[in-house]
Amino acid sequence: MKNRRLVNDAPGPGDFLGNCLVGECRFDAELLLPSSTYFGLPKAASYVYGTWRDEQGNLLRALRGLEQDSSDFTFAFEALTGGQLERDPTVNASLYRGPIDISRTASDVTFVASEGEDHFAFDHHRASFSWNDGDILRIVGAQIAPAIQWFNSWPEGGCFSATAKYRASGQFLGRNVEGFVGHEIHYMPAGVSWMDSPYGRGREICWQQIANEYDDGSLEQATFAIGSDGWGFALIHDQDGVFHSSTDVVADAEVLANGYPARVTYRFDDQAWTWRLDQQGQRARTIPNAPLGADGTCIREGETRGVRYSMGNSDWWTDGRAAPLLNRTKAAKL
């Protein structure tokens, strides 16, 4: 009998292992407020991040975490010709870190530095945003599809997450840039961080946020994840806005000798998508013992259009949990 379990080998009551409830949703103001709860879980944080190209084609990235009343987790990355995504100490030291105020007016929500919007402000509107980080970053964008959402529970709690993506442009580090921005929200039990949740303790292997603009002007977005105990999903809005979803996902991967993922291929239903590391996409670490951050481009098998701009940011764990995904060749060349 296929997949038969012994009585004492089954999960305990309330433990659904990595199985997720997935779908699409409106990315409305209620999601962003620090007072909101979903499935009885309080909001842990919002994360806004961007992936852009300058006019010379160099890769750039920014990340900011927005907690209940402060924003201290923030980084700017720059890849110069021939280099990887690094953090300039002077630039990162000048990013605002400190208390923030969060307010709502109808469908608009504003996150702003308590010292004033000239230091930092992120304005959420019904289908657009603006992001100001002083002299470092001024970006605006329009939402490209409904948000995606997933919920995963365990006996002591769970995680609900929703992410919207935007086609974005503006100025970053004094340069004109084009690309994408993501706004990702986590709801988790009070006092539980990603690192000390089941995901940090072994469940998450890889999680990637994807968006593409092709050379014909069409847009697609996707979110892919794969885990050690069935956690994982493929959530896609294609160029026609049609939503595709699956939690029956398998993946295989190749890694570089230094631990960065070089390729991750996801297979589900009748689709296969492959993410490849950008030649500038090895991103400097932000947290010791956390997953490696990397940037690349992910496209559907058989896609013949060229990609004009892409977001392909990845979390990849290097503590051994990814071993089942790796090909027989342990190292790959770009």
C-alpha atoms as a PDB file:
ATOM      1  CA  MET A   1       0.000   0.000   0.000  1.00  0.00           C
ATOM      2  CA  LYS A   2       1.534   3.291  -1.117  1.00  0.00           C
ATOM      3  CA  ASN A   3       2.716   5.742   1.594  1.00  0.00           C
ATOM      4  CA  ARG A   4       1.303   3.634   4.385  1.00  0.00           C
ATOM      5  CA  ARG A   5       2.401   4.811   7.856  1.00  0.00           C
ATOM      6  CA  LEU A   6       2.675   2.888  11.080  1.00  0.00           C
ATOM      7  CA  VAL A   7       0.340   4.194  13.784  1.00  0.00           C
ATOM      8  CA  ASN A   8       3.111   5.734  15.873  1.00  0.00           C
ATOM      9  CA  ASP A   9       4.908   7.238  12.849  1.00  0.00           C
ATOM     10  CA  ALA A  10       2.097   9.614  11.953  1.00  0.00           C
ATOM     11  CA  PRO A  11       2.399  13.312  12.851  1.00  0.00           C
ATOM     12  CA  GLY A  12       0.867  14.433  16.125  1.00  0.00           C
ATOM     13  CA  PRO A  13      -2.492  16.224  16.311  1.00  0.00           C
ATOM     14  CA  GLY A  14      -2.288  19.708  14.857  1.00  0.00           C
ATOM     15  CA  ASP A  15       0.935  18.918  12.978  1.00  0.00           C
ATOM     16  CA  PHE A  16       0.448  19.117   9.213  1.00  0.00           C
ATOM     17  CA  LEU A  17       4.200  18.977   8.538  1.00  0.00           C
ATOM     18  CA  GLY A  18       5.050  21.306   5.658  1.00  0.00           C
ATOM     19  CA  ASN A  19       1.671  21.207   3.931  1.00  0.00           C
ATOM     20  CA  CYS A  20       0.442  24.678   2.984  1.00  0.00           C
ATOM     21  CA  LEU A  21      -2.784  26.416   2.101  1.00  0.00           C
ATOM     22  CA  VAL A  22      -2.009  28.651  -0.895  1.00  0.00           C
ATOM     23  CA  GLY A  23      -3.784  31.157  -3.120  1.00  0.00           C
ATOM     24  CA  GLU A  24      -3.946  34.738  -4.360  1.00  0.00           C
ATOM     25  CA  CYS A  25      -5.353  37.733  -2.498  1.00  0.00           C
ATOM     26  CA  ARG A  26      -5.857  41.486  -2.469  1.00  0.00           C
ATOM     27  CA  PHE A  27      -2.905  43.334  -1.010  1.00  0.00           C
ATOM     28  CA  ASP A  28      -4.997  45.743   1.021  1.00  0.00           C
ATOM     29  CA  ALA A  29      -4.232  48.182   3.800  1.00  0.00           C
ATOM     30  CA  GLU A  30      -5.369  45.844   6.570  1.00  0.00           C
ATOM     31  CA  LEU A  31      -2.530  43.441   5.785  1.00  0.00           C
ATOM     32  CA  LEU A  32       0.070  46.115   6.482  1.00  0.00           C
ATOM     33  CA  LEU A  33      -1.118  47.388   9.845  1.00  0.00           C
ATOM     34  CA  PRO A  34       0.795  46.300  12.971  1.00  0.00           C
ATOM     35  CA  SER A  35      -2.499  45.726  14.816  1.00  0.00           C
ATOM     36  CA  SER A  36      -3.839  43.161  12.323  1.00  0.00           C
ATOM     37  CA  THR A  37      -4.053  39.428  12.950  1.00  0.00           C
ATOM     38  CA  TYR A  38      -4.713  36.477  10.634  1.00  0.00           C
ATOM     39  CA  PHE A  39      -5.433  32.930  11.848  1.00  0.00           C
ATOM     40  CA  GLY A  40      -4.889  34.368  15.334  1.00  0.00           C
ATOM     41  CA  LEU A  41      -1.299  35.329  14.446  1.00  0.00           C
ATOM     42  CA  PRO A  42       0.013  38.868  14.969  1.00  0.00           C
ATOM     43  CA  LYS A  43       1.950  40.682  12.296  1.00  0.00           C
ATOM     44  CA  ALA A  44       5.694  40.106  12.685  1.00  0.00           C
ATOM     45  CA  ALA A  45       7.075  42.415  10.000  1.00  0.00           C
ATOM     46  CA  SER A  46       6.900  43.774   6.479  1.00  0.00           C
ATOM     47  CA  TYR A  47       9.912  43.405   4.192  1.00  0.00           C
ATOM     48  CA  VAL A  48      10.342  45.649   1.165  1.00  0.00           C
ATOM     49  CA  TYR A  49      13.081  44.804  -1.306  1.00  0.00           C
ATOM     50  CA  GLY A  50      14.061  45.779  -4.806  1.00  0.00           C
ATOM     51  CA  THR A  51      16.129  44.335  -7.635  1.00  0.00           C
ATOM     52  CA  TRP A  52      17.139  46.764 -10.373  1.00  0.00           C
ATOM     53  CA  ARG A  53      19.537  47.336 -13.265  1.00  0.00           C
ATOM     54  CA  ASP A  54      21.292  50.607 -13.963  1.00  0.00           C
ATOM     55  CA  GLU A  55      21.767  51.940 -17.484  1.00  0.00           C
ATOM     56  CA  GLN A  56      25.007  49.950 -17.823  1.00  0.00           C
ATOM     57  CA  GLY A  57      23.230  46.710 -16.903  1.00  0.00           C
ATOM     58  CA  ASN A  58      24.767  46.378 -13.417  1.00  0.00           C
ATOM     59  CA  LEU A  59      22.711  44.652 -10.737  1.00  0.00           C
ATOM     60  CA  LEU A  60      21.570  46.560  -7.625  1.00  0.00           C
ATOM     61  CA  ARG A  61      19.460  45.570  -4.652  1.00  0.00           C
ATOM     62  CA  ALA A  62      17.983  47.068  -1.479  1.00  0.00           C
ATOM     63  CA  LEU A  63      16.216  45.518   1.494  1.00  0.00           C
ATOM     64  CA  ARG A  64      14.393  47.003   4.477  1.00  0.00           C
ATOM     65  CA  GLY A  65      12.514  45.295   7.294  1.00  0.00           C
ATOM     66  CA  LEU A  66       9.615  47.193   8.899  1.00  0.00           C
ATOM     67  CA  GLU A  67       8.667  45.953  12.345  1.00  0.00           C
ATOM     68  CA  GLN A  68       5.906  47.134  14.695  1.00  0.00           C
ATOM     69  CA  ASP A  69       7.543  50.452  15.575  1.00  0.00           C
ATOM     70  CA  SER A  70      11.083  50.433  14.177  1.00  0.00           C
ATOM     71  CA  SER A  71      13.190  49.686  11.107  1.00  0.00           C
ATOM     72  CA  ASP A  72      16.739  48.595  11.889  1.00  0.00           C
ATOM     73  CA  PHE A  73      17.255  45.760   9.364  1.00  0.00           C
ATOM     74  CA  THR A  74      18.227  47.532   6.148  1.00  0.00           C
ATOM     75  CA  PHE A  75      20.901  47.069   3.468  1.00  0.00           C
ATOM     76  CA  ALA A  76      21.929  48.392   0.058  1.00  0.00           C
ATOM     77  CA  PHE A  77      23.866  46.215  -2.401  1.00  0.00           C
ATOM     78  CA  GLU A  78      25.749  47.219  -5.514  1.00  0.00           C
ATOM     79  CA  ALA A  79      27.469  45.120  -8.179  1.00  0.00           C
ATOM     80  CA  LEU A  80      29.990  46.933 -10.345  1.00  0.00           C
ATOM     81  CA  THR A  81      31.159  45.554 -13.669  1.00  0.00           C
ATOM     82  CA  GLY A  82      32.886  42.236 -13.070  1.00  0.00           C
ATOM     83  CA  GLY A  83      31.852  42.135  -9.405  1.00  0.00           C
ATOM     84  CA  GLN A  84      29.208  40.653  -7.113  1.00  0.00           C
ATOM     85  CA  LEU A  85      26.529  42.288  -4.935  1.00  0.00           C
ATOM     86  CA  GLU A  86      28.471  43.985  -2.137  1.00  0.00           C
ATOM     87  CA  ARG A  87      27.590  46.432   0.642  1.00  0.00           C
ATOM     88  CA  ASP A  88      29.421  49.750   0.627  1.00  0.00           C
ATOM     89  CA  PRO A  89      30.087  50.521   4.329  1.00  0.00           C
ATOM     90  CA  THR A  90      29.584  54.264   3.873  1.00  0.00           C
ATOM     91  CA  VAL A  91      26.271  53.847   2.040  1.00  0.00           C
ATOM     92  CA  ASN A  92      24.925  51.326   4.524  1.00  0.00           C
ATOM     93  CA  ALA A  93      25.966  53.432   7.498  1.00  0.00           C
ATOM     94  CA  SER A  94      23.891  56.329   6.115  1.00  0.00           C
ATOM     95  CA  LEU A  95      20.653  54.323   5.772  1.00  0.00           C
ATOM     96  CA  TYR A  96      18.058  55.312   8.364  1.00  0.00           C
ATOM     97  CA  ARG A  97      17.746  52.960  11.309  1.00  0.00           C
ATOM     98  CA  GLY A  98      15.425  53.704  14.191  1.00  0.00           C
ATOM     99  CA  PRO A  99      11.808  54.252  15.216  1.00  0.00           C
ATOM    100  CA  ILE A 100       9.072  54.523  12.593  1.00  0.00           C
ATOM    101  CA  ASP A 101       5.454  55.653  12.615  1.00  0.00           C
ATOM    102  CA  ILE A 102       2.750  53.715  10.766  1.00  0.00           C
ATOM    103  CA  SER A 103      -0.529  55.368   9.770  1.00  0.00           C
ATOM    104  CA  ARG A 104      -3.522  54.592   7.581  1.00  0.00           C
ATOM    105  CA  THR A 105      -5.828  56.818   5.543  1.00  0.00           C
ATOM    106  CA  ALA A 106      -8.490  54.785   3.716  1.00  0.00           C
ATOM    107  CA  SER A 107      -6.560  52.373   1.446  1.00  0.00           C
ATOM    108  CA  ASP A 108      -3.198  54.100   1.969  1.00  0.00           C
ATOM    109  CA  VAL A 109      -0.635  53.074   4.590  1.00  0.00           C
ATOM    110  CA  THR A 110       2.528  55.042   5.316  1.00  0.00           C
ATOM    111  CA  PHE A 111       5.665  53.827   7.063  1.00  0.00           C
ATOM    112  CA  VAL A 112       7.812  56.837   7.900  1.00  0.00           C
ATOM    113  CA  ALA A 113      10.895  57.550   9.988  1.00  0.00           C
ATOM    114  CA  SER A 114       9.944  59.171  13.266  1.00  0.00           C
ATOM    115  CA  GLU A 115      12.539  61.824  12.411  1.00  0.00           C
ATOM    116  CA  GLY A 116      10.715  62.683   9.180  1.00  0.00           C
ATOM    117  CA  GLU A 117      10.073  61.456   5.639  1.00  0.00           C
ATOM    118  CA  ASP A 118      13.357  62.937   4.361  1.00  0.00           C
ATOM    119  CA  HIS A 119      15.091  60.110   6.247  1.00  0.00           C
ATOM    120  CA  PHE A 120      12.782  57.277   5.168  1.00  0.00           C
ATOM    121  CA  ALA A 121       9.213  56.806   3.918  1.00  0.00           C
ATOM    122  CA  PHE A 122       7.333  53.961   2.248  1.00  0.00           C
ATOM    123  CA  ASP A 123       3.844  54.804   0.994  1.00  0.00           C
ATOM    124  CA  HIS A 124       1.509  51.931   0.115  1.00  0.00           C
ATOM    125  CA  HIS A 125      -1.466  52.664  -2.151  1.00  0.00           C
ATOM    126  CA  ARG A 126      -4.120  50.347  -3.507  1.00  0.00           C
ATOM    127  CA  ALA A 127      -2.003  49.237  -6.485  1.00  0.00           C
ATOM    128  CA  SER A 128       1.192  51.276  -6.280  1.00  0.00           C
ATOM    129  CA  PHE A 129       3.908  52.474  -3.905  1.00  0.00           C
ATOM    130  CA  SER A 130       6.653  55.035  -3.408  1.00  0.00           C
ATOM    131  CA  TRP A 131       9.861  54.377  -1.451  1.00  0.00           C
ATOM    132  CA  ASN A 132      12.211  57.097  -0.269  1.00  0.00           C
ATOM    133  CA  ASP A 133      15.440  56.351   1.589  1.00  0.00           C
ATOM    134  CA  GLY A 134      17.005  59.793   1.774  1.00  0.00           C
ATOM    135  CA  ASP A 135      19.565  60.520  -0.921  1.00  0.00           C
ATOM    136  CA  ILE A 136      20.179  56.812  -1.504  1.00  0.00           C
ATOM    137  CA  LEU A 137      16.900  55.629  -3.003  1.00  0.00           C
ATOM    138  CA  ARG A 138      13.773  57.103  -4.580  1.00  0.00           C
ATOM    139  CA  ILE A 139      11.642  54.455  -6.284  1.00  0.00           C
ATOM    140  CA  VAL A 140       8.001  54.238  -7.451  1.00  0.00           C
ATOM    141  CA  GLY A 141       6.086  51.347  -8.949  1.00  0.00           C
ATOM    142  CA  ALA A 142       2.767  49.750  -9.937  1.00  0.00           C
ATOM    143  CA  GLN A 143       1.493  46.344  -8.808  1.00  0.00           C
ATOM    144  CA  ILE A 144       1.686  43.759 -11.594  1.00  0.00           C
ATOM    145  CA  ALA A 145      -0.843  41.165 -10.337  1.00  0.00           C
ATOM    146  CA  PRO A 146      -2.783  40.178  -7.204  1.00  0.00           C
ATOM    147  CA  ALA A 147      -0.685  39.232  -4.202  1.00  0.00           C
ATOM    148  CA  ILE A 148       0.121  35.611  -3.435  1.00  0.00           C
ATOM    149  CA  GLN A 149      -0.530  34.098   0.012  1.00  0.00           C
ATOM    150  CA  TRP A 150       0.353  30.932   1.890  1.00  0.00           C
ATOM    151  CA  PHE A 151      -0.412  29.555   5.349  1.00  0.00           C
ATOM    152  CA  ASN A 152       1.428  26.744   7.136  1.00  0.00           C
ATOM    153  CA  SER A 153       0.661  25.607  10.682  1.00  0.00           C
ATOM    154  CA  TRP A 154       2.356  23.530  13.375  1.00  0.00           C
ATOM    155  CA  PRO A 155       1.062  22.520  16.848  1.00  0.00           C
ATOM    156  CA  GLU A 156       2.425  25.635  18.592  1.00  0.00           C
ATOM    157  CA  GLY A 157       1.570  28.172  15.891  1.00  0.00           C
ATOM    158  CA  GLY A 158       1.986  28.873  12.212  1.00  0.00           C
ATOM    159  CA  CYS A 159       3.001  31.347   9.547  1.00  0.00           C
ATOM    160  CA  PHE A 160       0.827  33.351   7.193  1.00  0.00           C
ATOM    161  CA  SER A 161       2.620  35.266   4.458  1.00  0.00           C
ATOM    162  CA  ALA A 162       1.454  37.521   1.631  1.00  0.00           C
ATOM    163  CA  THR A 163       3.608  39.153  -1.051  1.00  0.00           C
ATOM    164  CA  ALA A 164       2.881  41.756  -3.722  1.00  0.00           C
ATOM    165  CA  LYS A 165       5.255  42.626  -6.556  1.00  0.00           C
ATOM    166  CA  TYR A 166       5.612  45.851  -8.486  1.00  0.00           C
ATOM    167  CA  ARG A 167       7.254  46.978 -11.717  1.00  0.00           C
ATOM    168  CA  ALA A 168       9.461  49.780 -10.426  1.00  0.00           C
ATOM    169  CA  SER A 169      11.811  52.544 -11.535  1.00  0.00           C
ATOM    170  CA  GLY A 170      13.607  55.556 -10.104  1.00  0.00           C
ATOM    171  CA  GLN A 171      17.002  56.492  -8.732  1.00  0.00           C
ATOM    172  CA  PHE A 172      19.311  54.378  -6.587  1.00  0.00           C
ATOM    173  CA  LEU A 173      22.821  55.402  -5.567  1.00  0.00           C
ATOM    174  CA  GLY A 174      22.600  58.359  -7.958  1.00  0.00           C
ATOM    175  CA  ARG A 175      21.721  56.224 -10.987  1.00  0.00           C
ATOM    176  CA  ASN A 176      18.558  55.687 -13.011  1.00  0.00           C
ATOM    177  CA  VAL A 177      17.326  52.129 -12.447  1.00  0.00           C
ATOM    178  CA  GLU A 178      14.594  49.811 -13.711  1.00  0.00           C
ATOM    179  CA  GLY A 179      13.339  46.565 -12.211  1.00  0.00           C
ATOM    180  CA  PHE A 180      11.000  45.210  -9.549  1.00  0.00           C
ATOM    181  CA  VAL A 181      10.071  45.665  -5.900  1.00  0.00           C
ATOM    182  CA  GLY A 182       8.495  43.104  -3.584  1.00  0.00           C
ATOM    183  CA  HIS A 183       6.549  43.765  -0.385  1.00  0.00           C
ATOM    184  CA  GLU A 184       6.446  40.620   1.741  1.00  0.00           C
ATOM    185  CA  ILE A 185       4.539  40.319   5.035  1.00  0.00           C
ATOM    186  CA  HIS A 186       4.907  37.676   7.746  1.00  0.00           C
ATOM    187  CA  TYR A 187       2.384  36.842  10.483  1.00  0.00           C
ATOM    188  CA  MET A 188       3.848  34.549  13.157  1.00  0.00           C
ATOM    189  CA  PRO A 189       3.399  33.772  16.873  1.00  0.00           C
ATOM    190  CA  ALA A 190       4.531  36.579  19.157  1.00  0.00           C
ATOM    191  CA  GLY A 191       8.212  36.284  19.968  1.00  0.00           C
ATOM    192  CA  VAL A 192       8.930  33.720  17.240  1.00  0.00           C
ATOM    193  CA  SER A 193      11.392  34.688  14.506  1.00  0.00           C
ATOM    194  CA  TRP A 194      11.921  32.961  11.175  1.00  0.00           C
ATOM    195  CA  MET A 195      15.219  31.572  12.454  1.00  0.00           C
ATOM    196  CA  ASP A 196      13.738  29.867  15.527  1.00  0.00           C
ATOM    197  CA  SER A 197      10.587  28.666  13.724  1.00  0.00           C
ATOM    198  CA  PRO A 198      10.332  25.304  11.915  1.00  0.00           C
ATOM    199  CA  TYR A 199      11.666  27.047   8.780  1.00  0.00           C
ATOM    200  CA  GLY A 200      14.941  28.077  10.363  1.00  0.00           C
ATOM    201  CA  ARG A 201      15.239  24.770  12.200  1.00  0.00           C
ATOM    202  CA  GLY A 202      15.145  22.707   9.008  1.00  0.00           C
ATOM    203  CA  ARG A 203      11.902  23.079   7.066  1.00  0.00           C
ATOM    204  CA  GLU A 204      12.991  25.719   4.528  1.00  0.00           C
ATOM    205  CA  ILE A 205      15.592  24.775   1.915  1.00  0.00           C
ATOM    206  CA  CYS A 206      14.984  27.424  -0.732  1.00  0.00           C
ATOM    207  CA  TRP A 207      12.458  30.248  -1.227  1.00  0.00           C
ATOM    208  CA  GLN A 208      12.537  32.482  -4.294  1.00  0.00           C
ATOM    209  CA  GLN A 209      10.543  35.563  -5.335  1.00  0.00           C
ATOM    210  CA  ILE A 210      10.363  35.936  -9.120  1.00  0.00           C
ATOM    211  CA  ALA A 211       9.226  38.619 -11.578  1.00  0.00           C
ATOM    212  CA  ASN A 212      10.049  39.026 -15.261  1.00  0.00           C
ATOM    213  CA  GLU A 213       9.513  41.652 -17.918  1.00  0.00           C
ATOM    214  CA  TYR A 214      10.057  40.114 -21.340  1.00  0.00           C
ATOM    215  CA  ASP A 215      11.264  41.869 -24.459  1.00  0.00           C
ATOM    216  CA  ASP A 216       7.684  42.048 -25.774  1.00  0.00           C
ATOM    217  CA  GLY A 217       6.687  44.079 -22.682  1.00  0.00           C
ATOM    218  CA  SER A 218       4.670  41.322 -20.965  1.00  0.00           C
ATOM    219  CA  LEU A 219       5.005  40.681 -17.233  1.00  0.00           C
ATOM    220  CA  GLU A 220       4.911  37.520 -15.113  1.00  0.00           C
ATOM    221  CA  GLN A 221       5.408  36.909 -11.423  1.00  0.00           C
ATOM    222  CA  ALA A 222       6.038  33.745  -9.425  1.00  0.00           C
ATOM    223  CA  THR A 223       6.966  32.474  -5.996  1.00  0.00           C
ATOM    224  CA  PHE A 224       8.692  29.117  -5.567  1.00  0.00           C
ATOM    225  CA  ALA A 225       9.665  27.291  -2.395  1.00  0.00           C
ATOM    226  CA  ILE A 226      10.932  23.839  -1.502  1.00  0.00           C
ATOM    227  CA  GLY A 227      11.399  22.297   1.920  1.00  0.00           C
ATOM    228  CA  SER A 228      12.523  19.223   3.763  1.00  0.00           C
ATOM    229  CA  ASP A 229       9.137  17.849   4.871  1.00  0.00           C
ATOM    230  CA  GLY A 230       6.699  18.703   2.110  1.00  0.00           C
ATOM    231  CA  TRP A 231       6.794  22.485   2.597  1.00  0.00           C
ATOM    232  CA  GLY A 232       6.792  24.152  -0.768  1.00  0.00           C
ATOM    233  CA  PHE A 233       4.685  25.751  -3.451  1.00  0.00           C
ATOM    234  CA  ALA A 234       4.637  27.179  -6.949  1.00  0.00           C
ATOM    235  CA  LEU A 235       2.465  30.307  -7.284  1.00  0.00           C
ATOM    236  CA  ILE A 236       2.388  32.054 -10.665  1.00  0.00           C
ATOM    237  CA  HIS A 237       0.546  34.865 -12.417  1.00  0.00           C
ATOM    238  CA  ASP A 238       1.296  34.413 -16.100  1.00  0.00           C
ATOM    239  CA  GLN A 239       1.425  37.108 -18.777  1.00  0.00           C
ATOM    240  CA  ASP A 240      -2.370  36.970 -19.138  1.00  0.00           C
ATOM    241  CA  GLY A 241      -2.924  37.340 -15.388  1.00  0.00           C
ATOM    242  CA  VAL A 242      -4.037  33.720 -15.017  1.00  0.00           C
ATOM    243  CA  PHE A 243      -3.138  32.267 -11.608  1.00  0.00           C
ATOM    244  CA  HIS A 244      -1.440  28.860 -11.396  1.00  0.00           C
ATOM    245  CA  SER A 245      -0.724  27.145  -8.087  1.00  0.00           C
ATOM    246  CA  SER A 246       0.599  23.851  -6.783  1.00  0.00           C
ATOM    247  CA  THR A 247       1.917  22.430  -3.535  1.00  0.00           C
ATOM    248  CA  ASP A 248       3.100  19.254  -5.231  1.00  0.00           C
ATOM    249  CA  VAL A 249       6.540  20.561  -6.205  1.00  0.00           C
ATOM    250  CA  VAL A 250       9.845  18.771  -6.692  1.00  0.00           C
ATOM    251  CA  ALA A 251      13.190  20.455  -7.292  1.00  0.00           C
ATOM    252  CA  ASP A 252      16.781  19.744  -8.125  1.00  0.00           C
ATOM    253  CA  ALA A 253      19.752  22.087  -7.930  1.00  0.00           C
ATOM    254  CA  GLU A 254      23.418  22.722  -8.530  1.00  0.00           C
ATOM    255  CA  VAL A 255      25.696  24.721  -6.256  1.00  0.00           C
ATOM    256  CA  LEU A 256      29.011  26.476  -6.626  1.00  0.00           C
ATOM    257  CA  ALA A 257      32.005  25.403  -4.590  1.00  0.00           C
ATOM    258  CA  ASN A 258      31.502  28.435  -2.304  1.00  0.00           C
ATOM    259  CA  GLY A 259      27.936  27.337  -1.447  1.00  0.00           C
ATOM    260  CA  TYR A 260      25.925  29.717  -3.620  1.00  0.00           C
ATOM    261  CA  PRO A 261      23.189  28.071  -5.686  1.00  0.00           C
ATOM    262  CA  ALA A 262      23.954  28.121  -9.419  1.00  0.00           C
ATOM    263  CA  ARG A 263      20.696  26.557 -10.640  1.00  0.00           C
ATOM    264  CA  VAL A 264      17.383  25.508  -9.115  1.00  0.00           C
ATOM    265  CA  THR A 265      14.737  23.769 -11.250  1.00  0.00           C
ATOM    266  CA  TYR A 266      11.144  23.419 -10.021  1.00  0.00           C
ATOM    267  CA  ARG A 267       8.742  20.863 -11.528  1.00  0.00           C
ATOM    268  CA  PHE A 268       5.009  20.728 -10.833  1.00  0.00           C
ATOM    269  CA  ASP A 269       1.892  19.809 -12.818  1.00  0.00           C
ATOM    270  CA  ASP A 270       2.887  20.272 -16.471  1.00  0.00           C
ATOM    271  CA  GLN A 271       5.403  23.065 -15.866  1.00  0.00           C
ATOM    272  CA  ALA A 272       9.110  23.376 -15.155  1.00  0.00           C
ATOM    273  CA  TRP A 273      10.896  26.623 -14.238  1.00  0.00           C
ATOM    274  CA  THR A 274      14.647  27.071 -13.855  1.00  0.00           C
ATOM    275  CA  TRP A 275      16.375  29.792 -11.838  1.00  0.00           C
ATOM    276  CA  ARG A 276      19.988  30.587 -12.697  1.00  0.00           C
ATOM    277  CA  LEU A 277      22.358  32.697 -10.653  1.00  0.00           C
ATOM    278  CA  ASP A 278      23.183  36.060 -12.199  1.00  0.00           C
ATOM    279  CA  GLN A 279      26.838  36.637 -12.980  1.00  0.00           C
ATOM    280  CA  GLN A 280      26.691  39.458 -10.403  1.00  0.00           C
ATOM    281  CA  GLY A 281      24.212  37.688  -8.132  1.00  0.00           C
ATOM    282  CA  GLN A 282      26.331  36.371  -5.234  1.00  0.00           C
ATOM    283  CA  ARG A 283      24.994  38.635  -2.498  1.00  0.00           C
ATOM    284  CA  ALA A 284      27.068  39.464   0.571  1.00  0.00           C
ATOM    285  CA  ARG A 285      25.765  37.912   3.803  1.00  0.00           C
ATOM    286  CA  THR A 286      23.676  40.041   6.163  1.00  0.00           C
ATOM    287  CA  ILE A 287      23.208  37.578   9.064  1.00  0.00           C
ATOM    288  CA  PRO A 288      25.668  34.858  10.171  1.00  0.00           C
ATOM    289  CA  ASN A 289      24.272  31.307   9.998  1.00  0.00           C
ATOM    290  CA  ALA A 290      21.282  32.483   7.960  1.00  0.00           C
ATOM    291  CA  PRO A 291      20.560  31.320   4.415  1.00  0.00           C
ATOM    292  CA  LEU A 292      22.667  32.783   1.633  1.00  0.00           C
ATOM    293  CA  GLY A 293      21.006  35.488  -0.406  1.00  0.00           C
ATOM    294  CA  ALA A 294      21.443  35.300  -4.174  1.00  0.00           C
ATOM    295  CA  ASP A 295      19.938  36.950  -7.236  1.00  0.00           C
ATOM    296  CA  GLY A 296      19.223  35.525 -10.675  1.00  0.00           C
ATOM    297  CA  THR A 297      16.557  35.011 -13.327  1.00  0.00           C
ATOM    298  CA  CYS A 298      13.936  32.265 -13.416  1.00  0.00           C
ATOM    299  CA  ILE A 299      12.088  31.315 -16.620  1.00  0.00           C
ATOM    300  CA  ARG A 300       9.641  28.646 -17.721  1.00  0.00           C
ATOM    301  CA  GLU A 301      10.976  25.677 -19.680  1.00  0.00           C
ATOM    302  CA  GLY A 302      10.553  26.339 -23.387  1.00  0.00           C
ATOM    303  CA  GLU A 303      10.389  30.142 -22.999  1.00  0.00           C
ATOM    304  CA  THR A 304      11.910  31.784 -26.081  1.00  0.00           C
ATOM    305  CA  ARG A 305      11.418  35.470 -25.263  1.00  0.00           C
ATOM    306  CA  GLY A 306      14.295  37.500 -23.950  1.00  0.00           C
ATOM    307  CA  VAL A 307      14.093  38.862 -20.392  1.00  0.00           C
ATOM    308  CA  ARG A 308      14.481  42.639 -20.230  1.00  0.00           C
ATOM    309  CA  TYR A 309      14.341  43.005 -16.427  1.00  0.00           C
ATOM    310  CA  SER A 310      13.941  40.405 -13.697  1.00  0.00           C
ATOM    311  CA  MET A 311      13.672  39.845  -9.985  1.00  0.00           C
ATOM    312  CA  GLY A 312      14.968  36.484  -8.861  1.00  0.00           C
ATOM    313  CA  ASN A 313      15.990  36.799  -5.228  1.00  0.00           C
ATOM    314  CA  SER A 314      16.682  33.587  -3.368  1.00  0.00           C
ATOM    315  CA  ASP A 315      17.188  32.294   0.166  1.00  0.00           C
ATOM    316  CA  TRP A 316      19.357  29.172   0.123  1.00  0.00           C
ATOM    317  CA  TRP A 317      20.410  27.197   3.194  1.00  0.00           C
ATOM    318  CA  THR A 318      23.984  25.891   3.287  1.00  0.00           C
ATOM    319  CA  ASP A 319      23.857  23.824   6.484  1.00  0.00           C
ATOM    320  CA  GLY A 320      23.388  20.509   4.652  1.00  0.00           C
ATOM    321  CA  ARG A 321      19.601  20.407   4.465  1.00  0.00           C
ATOM    322  CA  ALA A 322      19.719  21.023   0.680  1.00  0.00           C
ATOM    323  CA  ALA A 323      21.672  17.825  -0.012  1.00  0.00           C
ATOM    324  CA  PRO A 324      18.644  15.910  -1.434  1.00  0.00           C
ATOM    325  CA  LEU A 325      18.250  18.563  -4.144  1.00  0.00           C
ATOM    326  CA  LEU A 326      21.819  18.487  -5.376  1.00  0.00           C
ATOM    327  CA  ASN A 327      22.928  16.783  -8.532  1.00  0.00           C
ATOM    328  CA  ARG A 328      25.685  14.202  -8.512  1.00  0.00           C
ATOM    329  CA  THR A 329      28.062  16.970  -9.573  1.00  0.00           C
ATOM    330  CA  LYS A 330      28.593  18.895  -6.374  1.00  0.00           C
ATOM    331  CA  ALA A 331      29.949  22.056  -7.971  1.00  0.00           C
ATOM    332  CA  ALA A 332      28.851  23.845 -11.113  1.00  0.00           C
ATOM    333  CA  LYS A 333      30.388  26.563 -13.234  1.00  0.00           C
ATOM    334  CA  LEU A 334      28.497  29.657 -14.305  1.00  0.00           C
END
